[in-house]
């Protein structure tokens, strides 16, 4: 007798669950391919491969939420892949561009990769693998794509005419340190705006996203580096100005509930307690282990 065929619905559901992970592994493919291209000296395509990886990284989470197939496994896989595509690969590109001729400058790439890994680990602990309203610190895809898009931007006529004489070796070194600090900072960085057609805010977000996509397709060498610089500077300046005004962003950056199209949410602010991540004190006794030690007579 032939074994009964599995129900069509179960097969379809299993295929849908695999789909987000397929996008994540595509992200990994482009990250590894970027390192291969950089090792061969093709730094333009190495940068574009990381841009492709960032595009797939943006899509895999949205597909998982749309199909309701998000899982802890997917979140962990995404973080491991991001460490390669937006940590190791951009660090290698910067090494090939600026740091391979000196003895210890490669440590700047190490510092950057370390910041990316720490940022991803903290992201999984604090935000469960998914940012709701804000990213807590600079997101690693933005940092990685910024470094990767520098070389394509440096090949434009605008760069050669007006910017080529700047001391880019020193600027890039300081920029990598600053980006590393922002990765592990507490500065809130906004997500890609949610598009919609029901409200004026949704219409504005839709127009902004469509305009960004159009610019990315038509003038990619100008768009990505410039847009990412503005994104990083805007988040930093906004945080500084709000700090000077003694204000905090509205809403919880670590919000666990999705906001609606109007941006409203009734969730309370969540407090993240890191004490649960450390070693636990011995149970069965009250107070410290040193409470019973008698004090010496003075």
C-alpha atoms as a PDB file:
ATOM      1  CA  UNK A   1       0.000   0.000   0.000  1.00  0.00           C
ATOM      2  CA  UNK A   2       1.166   3.520  -0.764  1.00  0.00           C
ATOM      3  CA  UNK A   3       1.810   5.864   2.130  1.00  0.00           C
ATOM      4  CA  UNK A   4      -0.862   8.571   2.424  1.00  0.00           C
ATOM      5  CA  UNK A   5       0.128  11.923   1.014  1.00  0.00           C
ATOM      6  CA  UNK A   6       0.432  14.796   3.485  1.00  0.00           C
ATOM      7  CA  UNK A   7      -2.353  17.345   3.319  1.00  0.00           C
ATOM      8  CA  UNK A   8      -1.771  20.125   0.820  1.00  0.00           C
ATOM      9  CA  UNK A   9      -2.320  22.766   3.486  1.00  0.00           C
ATOM     10  CA  UNK A  10       0.443  21.355   5.705  1.00  0.00           C
ATOM     11  CA  UNK A  11       2.867  21.272   2.765  1.00  0.00           C
ATOM     12  CA  UNK A  12       2.016  24.866   1.893  1.00  0.00           C
ATOM     13  CA  UNK A  13       2.502  26.028   5.486  1.00  0.00           C
ATOM     14  CA  UNK A  14       5.885  24.315   5.665  1.00  0.00           C
ATOM     15  CA  UNK A  15       6.954  26.043   2.447  1.00  0.00           C
ATOM     16  CA  UNK A  16       5.846  29.434   3.758  1.00  0.00           C
ATOM     17  CA  UNK A  17       7.878  28.944   6.952  1.00  0.00           C
ATOM     18  CA  UNK A  18      11.003  28.218   4.886  1.00  0.00           C
ATOM     19  CA  UNK A  19      10.560  31.396   2.810  1.00  0.00           C
ATOM     20  CA  UNK A  20      11.910  33.962   5.364  1.00  0.00           C
ATOM     21  CA  UNK A  21      14.947  31.777   6.069  1.00  0.00           C
ATOM     22  CA  UNK A  22      15.591  31.553   2.329  1.00  0.00           C
ATOM     23  CA  UNK A  23      15.826  35.354   2.185  1.00  0.00           C
ATOM     24  CA  UNK A  24      18.143  35.308   5.210  1.00  0.00           C
ATOM     25  CA  UNK A  25      20.415  32.761   3.536  1.00  0.00           C
ATOM     26  CA  UNK A  26      20.357  34.909   0.402  1.00  0.00           C
ATOM     27  CA  UNK A  27      21.614  37.712   2.634  1.00  0.00           C
ATOM     28  CA  UNK A  28      24.448  35.386   3.721  1.00  0.00           C
ATOM     29  CA  UNK A  29      25.236  34.519   0.093  1.00  0.00           C
ATOM     30  CA  UNK A  30      25.759  38.158  -0.840  1.00  0.00           C
ATOM     31  CA  UNK A  31      27.760  38.813   2.329  1.00  0.00           C
ATOM     32  CA  UNK A  32      30.181  35.988   1.538  1.00  0.00           C
ATOM     33  CA  UNK A  33      30.276  36.982  -2.145  1.00  0.00           C
ATOM     34  CA  UNK A  34      31.185  40.531  -1.078  1.00  0.00           C
ATOM     35  CA  UNK A  35      34.237  39.179   0.758  1.00  0.00           C
ATOM     36  CA  UNK A  36      35.204  37.097  -2.287  1.00  0.00           C
ATOM     37  CA  UNK A  37      34.904  40.168  -4.538  1.00  0.00           C
ATOM     38  CA  UNK A  38      36.939  42.275  -2.089  1.00  0.00           C
ATOM     39  CA  UNK A  39      39.689  39.639  -1.991  1.00  0.00           C
ATOM     40  CA  UNK A  40      39.846  39.843  -5.791  1.00  0.00           C
ATOM     41  CA  UNK A  41      40.086  43.638  -5.721  1.00  0.00           C
ATOM     42  CA  UNK A  42      36.596  44.269  -7.113  1.00  0.00           C
ATOM     43  CA  UNK A  43      35.530  46.707  -4.429  1.00  0.00           C
ATOM     44  CA  UNK A  44      32.669  48.230  -6.413  1.00  0.00           C
ATOM     45  CA  UNK A  45      30.785  44.948  -6.668  1.00  0.00           C
ATOM     46  CA  UNK A  46      31.786  44.062  -3.107  1.00  0.00           C
ATOM     47  CA  UNK A  47      29.922  47.177  -1.980  1.00  0.00           C
ATOM     48  CA  UNK A  48      26.879  46.428  -4.116  1.00  0.00           C
ATOM     49  CA  UNK A  49      26.682  42.854  -2.827  1.00  0.00           C
ATOM     50  CA  UNK A  50      26.359  44.211   0.724  1.00  0.00           C
ATOM     51  CA  UNK A  51      23.610  46.559  -0.486  1.00  0.00           C
ATOM     52  CA  UNK A  52      21.833  43.513  -1.946  1.00  0.00           C
ATOM     53  CA  UNK A  53      22.301  41.741   1.393  1.00  0.00           C
ATOM     54  CA  UNK A  54      20.758  44.722   3.194  1.00  0.00           C
ATOM     55  CA  UNK A  55      17.749  44.625   0.866  1.00  0.00           C
ATOM     56  CA  UNK A  56      17.149  40.930   1.602  1.00  0.00           C
ATOM     57  CA  UNK A  57      17.644  41.578   5.322  1.00  0.00           C
ATOM     58  CA  UNK A  58      14.882  44.194   5.189  1.00  0.00           C
ATOM     59  CA  UNK A  59      12.546  41.824   3.338  1.00  0.00           C
ATOM     60  CA  UNK A  60      12.971  38.641   5.388  1.00  0.00           C
ATOM     61  CA  UNK A  61      11.533  40.150   8.553  1.00  0.00           C
ATOM     62  CA  UNK A  62       8.593  41.673   6.699  1.00  0.00           C
ATOM     63  CA  UNK A  63       7.836  38.372   5.002  1.00  0.00           C
ATOM     64  CA  UNK A  64       7.983  36.561   8.347  1.00  0.00           C
ATOM     65  CA  UNK A  65       5.551  39.057   9.895  1.00  0.00           C
ATOM     66  CA  UNK A  66       3.242  39.048   6.852  1.00  0.00           C
ATOM     67  CA  UNK A  67       3.040  35.251   6.800  1.00  0.00           C
ATOM     68  CA  UNK A  68       3.085  35.025  10.632  1.00  0.00           C
ATOM     69  CA  UNK A  69       5.983  32.575  10.476  1.00  0.00           C
ATOM     70  CA  UNK A  70       8.472  34.420  12.676  1.00  0.00           C
ATOM     71  CA  UNK A  71      10.364  32.204  15.091  1.00  0.00           C
ATOM     72  CA  UNK A  72      13.221  32.273  17.571  1.00  0.00           C
ATOM     73  CA  UNK A  73      15.256  30.219  15.116  1.00  0.00           C
ATOM     74  CA  UNK A  74      14.738  32.823  12.395  1.00  0.00           C
ATOM     75  CA  UNK A  75      15.788  35.654  14.714  1.00  0.00           C
ATOM     76  CA  UNK A  76      18.989  33.870  15.760  1.00  0.00           C
ATOM     77  CA  UNK A  77      19.806  32.911  12.161  1.00  0.00           C
ATOM     78  CA  UNK A  78      19.280  36.508  11.059  1.00  0.00           C
ATOM     79  CA  UNK A  79      21.687  37.821  13.706  1.00  0.00           C
ATOM     80  CA  UNK A  80      24.393  35.313  12.793  1.00  0.00           C
ATOM     81  CA  UNK A  81      24.076  36.210   9.116  1.00  0.00           C
ATOM     82  CA  UNK A  82      24.076  39.956   9.860  1.00  0.00           C
ATOM     83  CA  UNK A  83      27.351  39.590  11.763  1.00  0.00           C
ATOM     84  CA  UNK A  84      28.932  38.353   8.535  1.00  0.00           C
ATOM     85  CA  UNK A  85      27.175  40.530   5.949  1.00  0.00           C
ATOM     86  CA  UNK A  86      27.273  43.809   7.888  1.00  0.00           C
ATOM     87  CA  UNK A  87      30.215  43.178  10.202  1.00  0.00           C
ATOM     88  CA  UNK A  88      32.977  41.030   8.748  1.00  0.00           C
ATOM     89  CA  UNK A  89      32.392  41.860   5.061  1.00  0.00           C
ATOM     90  CA  UNK A  90      32.387  45.707   5.426  1.00  0.00           C
ATOM     91  CA  UNK A  91      35.343  45.438   7.806  1.00  0.00           C
ATOM     92  CA  UNK A  92      37.248  43.497   5.153  1.00  0.00           C
ATOM     93  CA  UNK A  93      36.388  46.087   2.475  1.00  0.00           C
ATOM     94  CA  UNK A  94      37.695  48.894   4.676  1.00  0.00           C
ATOM     95  CA  UNK A  95      40.819  46.868   5.382  1.00  0.00           C
ATOM     96  CA  UNK A  96      41.485  46.393   1.667  1.00  0.00           C
ATOM     97  CA  UNK A  97      40.874  50.082   0.979  1.00  0.00           C
ATOM     98  CA  UNK A  98      42.757  51.811   3.779  1.00  0.00           C
ATOM     99  CA  UNK A  99      44.439  49.566   6.326  1.00  0.00           C
ATOM    100  CA  UNK A 100      46.320  46.731   4.612  1.00  0.00           C
ATOM    101  CA  UNK A 101      49.538  48.711   4.145  1.00  0.00           C
ATOM    102  CA  UNK A 102      50.041  49.503   7.829  1.00  0.00           C
ATOM    103  CA  UNK A 103      50.828  47.108  10.646  1.00  0.00           C
ATOM    104  CA  UNK A 104      48.136  47.796  13.232  1.00  0.00           C
ATOM    105  CA  UNK A 105      45.419  49.743  11.408  1.00  0.00           C
ATOM    106  CA  UNK A 106      43.525  46.485  10.862  1.00  0.00           C
ATOM    107  CA  UNK A 107      42.479  46.761  14.509  1.00  0.00           C
ATOM    108  CA  UNK A 108      39.972  49.410  13.399  1.00  0.00           C
ATOM    109  CA  UNK A 109      38.186  46.712  11.412  1.00  0.00           C
ATOM    110  CA  UNK A 110      38.331  44.508  14.506  1.00  0.00           C
ATOM    111  CA  UNK A 111      36.791  47.244  16.641  1.00  0.00           C
ATOM    112  CA  UNK A 112      34.001  47.699  14.108  1.00  0.00           C
ATOM    113  CA  UNK A 113      33.248  43.968  13.852  1.00  0.00           C
ATOM    114  CA  UNK A 114      33.247  43.701  17.650  1.00  0.00           C
ATOM    115  CA  UNK A 115      30.733  46.544  17.903  1.00  0.00           C
ATOM    116  CA  UNK A 116      28.479  44.857  15.334  1.00  0.00           C
ATOM    117  CA  UNK A 117      28.547  41.537  17.211  1.00  0.00           C
ATOM    118  CA  UNK A 118      27.854  43.186  20.573  1.00  0.00           C
ATOM    119  CA  UNK A 119      25.062  45.264  19.044  1.00  0.00           C
ATOM    120  CA  UNK A 120      23.374  42.175  17.551  1.00  0.00           C
ATOM    121  CA  UNK A 121      23.622  40.257  20.829  1.00  0.00           C
ATOM    122  CA  UNK A 122      22.108  43.171  22.744  1.00  0.00           C
ATOM    123  CA  UNK A 123      19.397  43.529  20.103  1.00  0.00           C
ATOM    124  CA  UNK A 124      18.283  39.924  20.605  1.00  0.00           C
ATOM    125  CA  UNK A 125      18.204  40.361  24.374  1.00  0.00           C
ATOM    126  CA  UNK A 126      16.411  43.714  24.445  1.00  0.00           C
ATOM    127  CA  UNK A 127      14.152  43.628  21.407  1.00  0.00           C
ATOM    128  CA  UNK A 128      13.693  39.937  20.777  1.00  0.00           C
ATOM    129  CA  UNK A 129      15.073  40.040  17.228  1.00  0.00           C
ATOM    130  CA  UNK A 130      12.585  42.661  16.023  1.00  0.00           C
ATOM    131  CA  UNK A 131      12.516  46.424  16.486  1.00  0.00           C
ATOM    132  CA  UNK A 132       9.019  47.815  16.997  1.00  0.00           C
ATOM    133  CA  UNK A 133       9.271  51.610  16.946  1.00  0.00           C
ATOM    134  CA  UNK A 134      12.970  52.378  17.186  1.00  0.00           C
ATOM    135  CA  UNK A 135      16.289  50.609  16.897  1.00  0.00           C
ATOM    136  CA  UNK A 136      18.190  50.850  20.183  1.00  0.00           C
ATOM    137  CA  UNK A 137      21.461  52.096  18.758  1.00  0.00           C
ATOM    138  CA  UNK A 138      22.516  52.304  15.124  1.00  0.00           C
ATOM    139  CA  UNK A 139      21.282  49.184  13.264  1.00  0.00           C
ATOM    140  CA  UNK A 140      24.073  47.031  11.881  1.00  0.00           C
ATOM    141  CA  UNK A 141      22.723  46.929   8.276  1.00  0.00           C
ATOM    142  CA  UNK A 142      22.872  50.741   8.101  1.00  0.00           C
ATOM    143  CA  UNK A 143      26.448  50.750   9.418  1.00  0.00           C
ATOM    144  CA  UNK A 144      27.560  47.983   7.072  1.00  0.00           C
ATOM    145  CA  UNK A 145      25.947  49.505   3.988  1.00  0.00           C
ATOM    146  CA  UNK A 146      27.459  52.901   4.828  1.00  0.00           C
ATOM    147  CA  UNK A 147      30.990  51.488   4.793  1.00  0.00           C
ATOM    148  CA  UNK A 148      30.279  49.353   1.740  1.00  0.00           C
ATOM    149  CA  UNK A 149      28.797  52.194  -0.311  1.00  0.00           C
ATOM    150  CA  UNK A 150      31.780  54.504   0.234  1.00  0.00           C
ATOM    151  CA  UNK A 151      33.870  53.098  -2.599  1.00  0.00           C
ATOM    152  CA  UNK A 152      31.103  53.238  -5.264  1.00  0.00           C
ATOM    153  CA  UNK A 153      30.433  56.831  -4.167  1.00  0.00           C
ATOM    154  CA  UNK A 154      34.152  57.633  -4.431  1.00  0.00           C
ATOM    155  CA  UNK A 155      34.060  56.711  -8.139  1.00  0.00           C
ATOM    156  CA  UNK A 156      31.495  59.397  -9.026  1.00  0.00           C
ATOM    157  CA  UNK A 157      32.408  62.619 -10.872  1.00  0.00           C
ATOM    158  CA  UNK A 158      31.125  64.677  -7.933  1.00  0.00           C
ATOM    159  CA  UNK A 159      33.515  62.981  -5.517  1.00  0.00           C
ATOM    160  CA  UNK A 160      36.489  63.286  -7.846  1.00  0.00           C
ATOM    161  CA  UNK A 161      35.818  66.966  -8.519  1.00  0.00           C
ATOM    162  CA  UNK A 162      35.124  68.216  -4.998  1.00  0.00           C
ATOM    163  CA  UNK A 163      35.943  65.606  -2.362  1.00  0.00           C
ATOM    164  CA  UNK A 164      38.915  63.595  -3.559  1.00  0.00           C
ATOM    165  CA  UNK A 165      41.486  65.881  -1.877  1.00  0.00           C
ATOM    166  CA  UNK A 166      40.119  65.349   1.613  1.00  0.00           C
ATOM    167  CA  UNK A 167      42.198  63.197   4.016  1.00  0.00           C
ATOM    168  CA  UNK A 168      39.951  60.157   3.629  1.00  0.00           C
ATOM    169  CA  UNK A 169      42.298  57.781   5.422  1.00  0.00           C
ATOM    170  CA  UNK A 170      41.962  59.756   8.647  1.00  0.00           C
ATOM    171  CA  UNK A 171      38.277  60.515   8.059  1.00  0.00           C
ATOM    172  CA  UNK A 172      37.419  56.864   7.520  1.00  0.00           C
ATOM    173  CA  UNK A 173      39.394  55.817  10.612  1.00  0.00           C
ATOM    174  CA  UNK A 174      37.535  58.336  12.798  1.00  0.00           C
ATOM    175  CA  UNK A 175      34.259  57.463  11.079  1.00  0.00           C
ATOM    176  CA  UNK A 176      34.653  53.762  11.841  1.00  0.00           C
ATOM    177  CA  UNK A 177      35.283  54.527  15.506  1.00  0.00           C
ATOM    178  CA  UNK A 178      32.225  56.810  15.616  1.00  0.00           C
ATOM    179  CA  UNK A 179      30.031  54.225  13.889  1.00  0.00           C
ATOM    180  CA  UNK A 180      31.264  51.568  16.331  1.00  0.00           C
ATOM    181  CA  UNK A 181      30.274  53.779  19.258  1.00  0.00           C
ATOM    182  CA  UNK A 182      26.848  54.478  17.741  1.00  0.00           C
ATOM    183  CA  UNK A 183      26.252  50.741  17.235  1.00  0.00           C
ATOM    184  CA  UNK A 184      26.494  50.068  20.978  1.00  0.00           C
ATOM    185  CA  UNK A 185      24.966  53.390  22.044  1.00  0.00           C
ATOM    186  CA  UNK A 186      21.473  54.007  23.425  1.00  0.00           C
ATOM    187  CA  UNK A 187      20.541  56.460  20.683  1.00  0.00           C
ATOM    188  CA  UNK A 188      17.140  55.581  19.140  1.00  0.00           C
ATOM    189  CA  UNK A 189      17.167  55.235  15.361  1.00  0.00           C
ATOM    190  CA  UNK A 190      13.919  55.088  13.455  1.00  0.00           C
ATOM    191  CA  UNK A 191      12.723  52.201  11.328  1.00  0.00           C
ATOM    192  CA  UNK A 192      11.689  52.397   7.682  1.00  0.00           C
ATOM    193  CA  UNK A 193       8.363  54.297   7.728  1.00  0.00           C
ATOM    194  CA  UNK A 194       5.216  52.204   7.468  1.00  0.00           C
ATOM    195  CA  UNK A 195       3.372  52.941   4.272  1.00  0.00           C
ATOM    196  CA  UNK A 196      -0.396  53.340   4.054  1.00  0.00           C
ATOM    197  CA  UNK A 197      -3.143  55.093   2.164  1.00  0.00           C
ATOM    198  CA  UNK A 198      -5.724  55.736   4.881  1.00  0.00           C
ATOM    199  CA  UNK A 199      -4.115  58.674   6.668  1.00  0.00           C
ATOM    200  CA  UNK A 200      -2.080  61.716   5.701  1.00  0.00           C
ATOM    201  CA  UNK A 201       0.898  60.330   7.585  1.00  0.00           C
ATOM    202  CA  UNK A 202       0.630  57.057   5.699  1.00  0.00           C
ATOM    203  CA  UNK A 203       0.492  58.921   2.389  1.00  0.00           C
ATOM    204  CA  UNK A 204       3.584  60.946   3.279  1.00  0.00           C
ATOM    205  CA  UNK A 205       5.433  57.780   4.291  1.00  0.00           C
ATOM    206  CA  UNK A 206       4.421  56.113   1.036  1.00  0.00           C
ATOM    207  CA  UNK A 207       5.639  59.083  -1.025  1.00  0.00           C
ATOM    208  CA  UNK A 208       8.926  59.122   0.909  1.00  0.00           C
ATOM    209  CA  UNK A 209       9.535  55.390   0.442  1.00  0.00           C
ATOM    210  CA  UNK A 210       8.667  55.492  -3.270  1.00  0.00           C
ATOM    211  CA  UNK A 211      10.964  58.494  -3.761  1.00  0.00           C
ATOM    212  CA  UNK A 212      13.786  56.687  -1.959  1.00  0.00           C
ATOM    213  CA  UNK A 213      13.325  53.566  -4.085  1.00  0.00           C
ATOM    214  CA  UNK A 214      13.341  55.677  -7.258  1.00  0.00           C
ATOM    215  CA  UNK A 215      16.578  57.428  -6.238  1.00  0.00           C
ATOM    216  CA  UNK A 216      18.182  54.125  -5.207  1.00  0.00           C
ATOM    217  CA  UNK A 217      17.428  52.613  -8.623  1.00  0.00           C
ATOM    218  CA  UNK A 218      18.336  55.624 -10.781  1.00  0.00           C
ATOM    219  CA  UNK A 219      21.397  57.072  -8.967  1.00  0.00           C
ATOM    220  CA  UNK A 220      22.595  54.334  -6.571  1.00  0.00           C
ATOM    221  CA  UNK A 221      26.186  55.544  -6.341  1.00  0.00           C
ATOM    222  CA  UNK A 222      25.010  58.912  -5.041  1.00  0.00           C
ATOM    223  CA  UNK A 223      21.985  57.772  -3.085  1.00  0.00           C
ATOM    224  CA  UNK A 224      23.108  55.070  -0.664  1.00  0.00           C
ATOM    225  CA  UNK A 225      26.180  56.724   0.862  1.00  0.00           C
ATOM    226  CA  UNK A 226      24.499  60.135   1.106  1.00  0.00           C
ATOM    227  CA  UNK A 227      21.222  58.783   2.505  1.00  0.00           C
ATOM    228  CA  UNK A 228      22.990  56.657   5.119  1.00  0.00           C
ATOM    229  CA  UNK A 229      25.173  59.580   6.216  1.00  0.00           C
ATOM    230  CA  UNK A 230      22.037  61.700   6.662  1.00  0.00           C
ATOM    231  CA  UNK A 231      20.279  58.881   8.551  1.00  0.00           C
ATOM    232  CA  UNK A 232      23.164  58.479  10.993  1.00  0.00           C
ATOM    233  CA  UNK A 233      23.691  62.211  11.510  1.00  0.00           C
ATOM    234  CA  UNK A 234      19.963  62.868  11.907  1.00  0.00           C
ATOM    235  CA  UNK A 235      19.603  60.244  14.637  1.00  0.00           C
ATOM    236  CA  UNK A 236      22.657  61.566  16.451  1.00  0.00           C
ATOM    237  CA  UNK A 237      21.650  65.236  16.203  1.00  0.00           C
ATOM    238  CA  UNK A 238      18.067  64.486  17.212  1.00  0.00           C
ATOM    239  CA  UNK A 239      19.263  62.663  20.318  1.00  0.00           C
ATOM    240  CA  UNK A 240      21.636  65.511  21.208  1.00  0.00           C
ATOM    241  CA  UNK A 241      18.954  68.171  20.750  1.00  0.00           C
ATOM    242  CA  UNK A 242      16.418  66.218  22.798  1.00  0.00           C
ATOM    243  CA  UNK A 243      19.054  65.765  25.484  1.00  0.00           C
ATOM    244  CA  UNK A 244      19.744  69.496  25.574  1.00  0.00           C
ATOM    245  CA  UNK A 245      16.023  70.155  25.835  1.00  0.00           C
ATOM    246  CA  UNK A 246      15.769  67.554  28.605  1.00  0.00           C
ATOM    247  CA  UNK A 247      13.216  65.552  26.655  1.00  0.00           C
ATOM    248  CA  UNK A 248      12.889  61.897  25.736  1.00  0.00           C
ATOM    249  CA  UNK A 249      11.384  60.379  22.566  1.00  0.00           C
ATOM    250  CA  UNK A 250       7.669  59.695  22.727  1.00  0.00           C
ATOM    251  CA  UNK A 251       6.934  56.018  23.245  1.00  0.00           C
ATOM    252  CA  UNK A 252       9.171  53.188  24.333  1.00  0.00           C
ATOM    253  CA  UNK A 253      12.099  52.391  21.987  1.00  0.00           C
ATOM    254  CA  UNK A 254      11.842  48.767  23.152  1.00  0.00           C
ATOM    255  CA  UNK A 255       8.089  48.571  22.669  1.00  0.00           C
ATOM    256  CA  UNK A 256       6.793  45.002  22.402  1.00  0.00           C
ATOM    257  CA  UNK A 257       3.582  45.810  20.603  1.00  0.00           C
ATOM    258  CA  UNK A 258       3.166  47.034  17.041  1.00  0.00           C
ATOM    259  CA  UNK A 259       1.812  50.500  16.581  1.00  0.00           C
ATOM    260  CA  UNK A 260      -1.052  51.126  14.218  1.00  0.00           C
ATOM    261  CA  UNK A 261      -0.870  53.285  11.118  1.00  0.00           C
ATOM    262  CA  UNK A 262      -1.583  56.425  13.111  1.00  0.00           C
ATOM    263  CA  UNK A 263       1.363  55.675  15.424  1.00  0.00           C
ATOM    264  CA  UNK A 264      -0.851  55.137  18.459  1.00  0.00           C
ATOM    265  CA  UNK A 265      -0.049  52.522  21.041  1.00  0.00           C
ATOM    266  CA  UNK A 266      -1.293  51.903  24.546  1.00  0.00           C
ATOM    267  CA  UNK A 267       1.572  49.720  25.702  1.00  0.00           C
ATOM    268  CA  UNK A 268       3.402  50.716  28.835  1.00  0.00           C
ATOM    269  CA  UNK A 269       7.087  51.501  28.899  1.00  0.00           C
ATOM    270  CA  UNK A 270       9.107  48.353  29.414  1.00  0.00           C
ATOM    271  CA  UNK A 271      12.098  48.306  31.747  1.00  0.00           C
ATOM    272  CA  UNK A 272      14.950  46.087  30.655  1.00  0.00           C
ATOM    273  CA  UNK A 273      16.703  44.473  33.601  1.00  0.00           C
ATOM    274  CA  UNK A 274      20.135  43.026  32.824  1.00  0.00           C
ATOM    275  CA  UNK A 275      20.579  41.469  36.248  1.00  0.00           C
ATOM    276  CA  UNK A 276      18.937  38.246  35.088  1.00  0.00           C
ATOM    277  CA  UNK A 277      21.766  37.771  32.592  1.00  0.00           C
ATOM    278  CA  UNK A 278      24.491  37.619  35.233  1.00  0.00           C
ATOM    279  CA  UNK A 279      25.458  34.804  37.614  1.00  0.00           C
ATOM    280  CA  UNK A 280      22.823  34.055  40.211  1.00  0.00           C
ATOM    281  CA  UNK A 281      23.514  34.234  43.949  1.00  0.00           C
ATOM    282  CA  UNK A 282      23.331  30.957  45.933  1.00  0.00           C
ATOM    283  CA  UNK A 283      19.794  30.153  47.027  1.00  0.00           C
ATOM    284  CA  UNK A 284      18.647  29.078  50.444  1.00  0.00           C
ATOM    285  CA  UNK A 285      20.195  31.923  52.414  1.00  0.00           C
ATOM    286  CA  UNK A 286      19.243  35.510  52.908  1.00  0.00           C
ATOM    287  CA  UNK A 287      21.602  38.351  52.186  1.00  0.00           C
ATOM    288  CA  UNK A 288      25.215  38.112  51.144  1.00  0.00           C
ATOM    289  CA  UNK A 289      27.558  35.207  51.835  1.00  0.00           C
ATOM    290  CA  UNK A 290      29.711  37.660  53.746  1.00  0.00           C
ATOM    291  CA  UNK A 291      27.012  38.640  56.251  1.00  0.00           C
ATOM    292  CA  UNK A 292      28.150  36.018  58.783  1.00  0.00           C
ATOM    293  CA  UNK A 293      31.804  37.061  58.765  1.00  0.00           C
ATOM    294  CA  UNK A 294      32.517  38.906  62.025  1.00  0.00           C
ATOM    295  CA  UNK A 295      34.024  42.327  61.786  1.00  0.00           C
ATOM    296  CA  UNK A 296      37.522  42.791  63.139  1.00  0.00           C
ATOM    297  CA  UNK A 297      37.890  44.838  66.275  1.00  0.00           C
ATOM    298  CA  UNK A 298      39.309  48.214  65.628  1.00  0.00           C
END
